[in-house]
């Protein structure tokens, strides 16, 4: 199973970006999918998560600005990021709890988001 993330880039403060992450390989089902991020010199943190039942949860720092969604037919998770600020600059990693023969958590390769002031 592989997770391929894309959509990062450079954006000015106040702008928007949309990240996507597609899972491929031997997949029976996917439980939760989510996004984490890691800024330089800081630990990795949870940004948003969405369950198989479409329940969502967000870090306080992104509530009201970011929206996570998923397309189960495409095994893809999205992160719509609005009102970006320089503190959102980080490498964003997608993750998914995937069942092939057993459940295993997979991580994408990371996509860099840079927000300029």
Protein backbone atom coordinates (compact mmCIF):
# COMPACT_ATOMS: atom_id res chain seq x y z
CA UNK A 1 0.00 0.00 0.00
CA UNK A 2 1.25 3.48 -0.87
CA UNK A 3 -0.03 6.94 -0.04
CA UNK A 4 0.76 9.64 -2.59
CA UNK A 5 0.26 13.23 -1.42
CA UNK A 6 0.26 16.31 -3.59
CA UNK A 7 -0.90 19.91 -3.63
CA UNK A 8 1.69 21.66 -1.51
CA UNK A 9 3.43 24.82 -2.60
CA UNK A 10 4.12 28.45 -1.87
CA UNK A 11 1.22 30.76 -1.05
CA UNK A 12 0.84 34.21 0.43
CA UNK A 13 -0.73 34.74 3.83
CA UNK A 14 -4.50 34.72 3.53
CA UNK A 15 -4.41 32.37 0.58
CA UNK A 16 -5.66 28.85 0.10
CA UNK A 17 -4.31 25.45 -0.88
CA UNK A 18 -5.87 22.04 -1.31
CA UNK A 19 -3.90 18.93 -0.48
CA UNK A 20 -4.88 15.49 -1.68
CA UNK A 21 -3.60 12.04 -0.82
CA UNK A 22 -4.49 8.87 -2.68
CA UNK A 23 -4.00 5.37 -1.30
CA UNK A 24 -3.21 2.55 -3.70
CA UNK A 25 -2.32 -1.13 -3.51
CA UNK A 26 -3.94 -4.10 -1.82
CA UNK A 27 -6.70 -2.36 0.10
CA UNK A 28 -9.72 -4.09 1.60
CA UNK A 29 -10.92 -1.10 3.54
CA UNK A 30 -9.69 2.15 5.04
CA UNK A 31 -10.60 3.22 8.54
CA UNK A 32 -9.52 6.72 9.52
CA UNK A 33 -7.55 9.05 7.24
CA UNK A 34 -5.81 12.19 8.32
CA UNK A 35 -3.18 14.85 8.00
CA UNK A 36 -0.29 15.68 10.28
CA UNK A 37 2.31 18.37 9.86
CA UNK A 38 5.81 19.09 11.05
CA UNK A 39 7.30 22.56 11.10
CA UNK A 40 11.07 23.09 11.32
CA UNK A 41 12.33 22.39 14.81
CA UNK A 42 8.94 21.24 16.06
CA UNK A 43 7.40 17.82 16.65
CA UNK A 44 4.89 16.36 14.25
CA UNK A 45 1.32 17.30 15.15
CA UNK A 46 -2.13 16.16 14.16
CA UNK A 47 -3.95 18.60 11.90
CA UNK A 48 -7.18 16.82 11.04
CA UNK A 49 -8.68 13.35 10.94
CA UNK A 50 -11.75 11.85 9.30
CA UNK A 51 -13.24 8.47 10.17
CA UNK A 52 -14.84 5.95 7.85
CA UNK A 53 -18.15 7.35 9.03
CA UNK A 54 -17.11 10.90 8.06
CA UNK A 55 -16.70 12.15 11.61
CA UNK A 56 -14.00 14.80 11.73
CA UNK A 57 -11.70 16.35 14.29
CA UNK A 58 -9.27 19.23 13.99
CA UNK A 59 -6.40 20.80 15.85
CA UNK A 60 -7.56 23.96 17.59
CA UNK A 61 -5.11 26.01 15.53
CA UNK A 62 -6.86 25.13 12.24
CA UNK A 63 -10.52 24.93 13.26
CA UNK A 64 -12.67 27.11 11.05
CA UNK A 65 -9.94 27.42 8.42
CA UNK A 66 -9.19 23.86 7.30
CA UNK A 67 -11.65 21.23 6.08
CA UNK A 68 -10.88 17.54 5.73
CA UNK A 69 -12.90 15.30 3.42
CA UNK A 70 -12.57 11.95 1.73
CA UNK A 71 -13.70 10.14 -1.40
CA UNK A 72 -14.01 6.47 -0.53
CA UNK A 73 -14.43 5.42 -4.15
CA UNK A 74 -11.01 6.92 -4.90
CA UNK A 75 -9.37 6.02 -1.55
CA UNK A 76 -8.44 9.69 -1.33
CA UNK A 77 -8.38 12.22 1.47
CA UNK A 78 -8.33 15.98 0.96
CA UNK A 79 -7.39 18.96 3.10
CA UNK A 80 -8.78 22.31 2.06
CA UNK A 81 -6.73 25.02 3.74
CA UNK A 82 -8.04 28.58 3.80
CA UNK A 83 -6.85 31.77 5.47
CA UNK A 84 -3.33 30.40 5.63
CA UNK A 85 -0.78 32.15 7.81
CA UNK A 86 2.99 31.74 8.16
CA UNK A 87 2.50 29.51 11.21
CA UNK A 88 0.96 26.92 8.88
CA UNK A 89 4.29 26.48 7.11
CA UNK A 90 5.28 22.84 7.47
CA UNK A 91 5.64 19.53 5.73
CA UNK A 92 2.20 17.93 5.64
CA UNK A 93 1.91 14.17 5.89
CA UNK A 94 -1.17 12.13 5.12
CA UNK A 95 -1.93 8.94 6.98
CA UNK A 96 -4.45 6.14 6.66
CA UNK A 97 -5.35 3.09 8.72
CA UNK A 98 -5.67 0.47 5.99
CA UNK A 99 -6.85 -3.11 6.11
CA UNK A 100 -5.20 -5.44 3.64
CA UNK A 101 -4.92 -8.72 5.53
CA UNK A 102 -4.55 -6.86 8.84
CA UNK A 103 -4.89 -3.22 9.82
CA UNK A 104 -1.75 -1.16 9.37
CA UNK A 105 -1.14 2.60 9.47
CA UNK A 106 0.55 4.01 6.41
CA UNK A 107 2.12 7.42 5.87
CA UNK A 108 2.60 9.48 2.74
CA UNK A 109 5.90 11.03 1.76
CA UNK A 110 5.02 14.55 2.84
CA UNK A 111 4.29 17.68 0.87
CA UNK A 112 5.74 21.08 1.74
CA UNK A 113 3.44 24.03 2.37
CA UNK A 114 5.13 27.42 2.66
CA UNK A 115 3.12 30.50 3.59
CA UNK A 116 4.83 33.83 3.06
CA UNK A 117 3.93 36.93 5.05
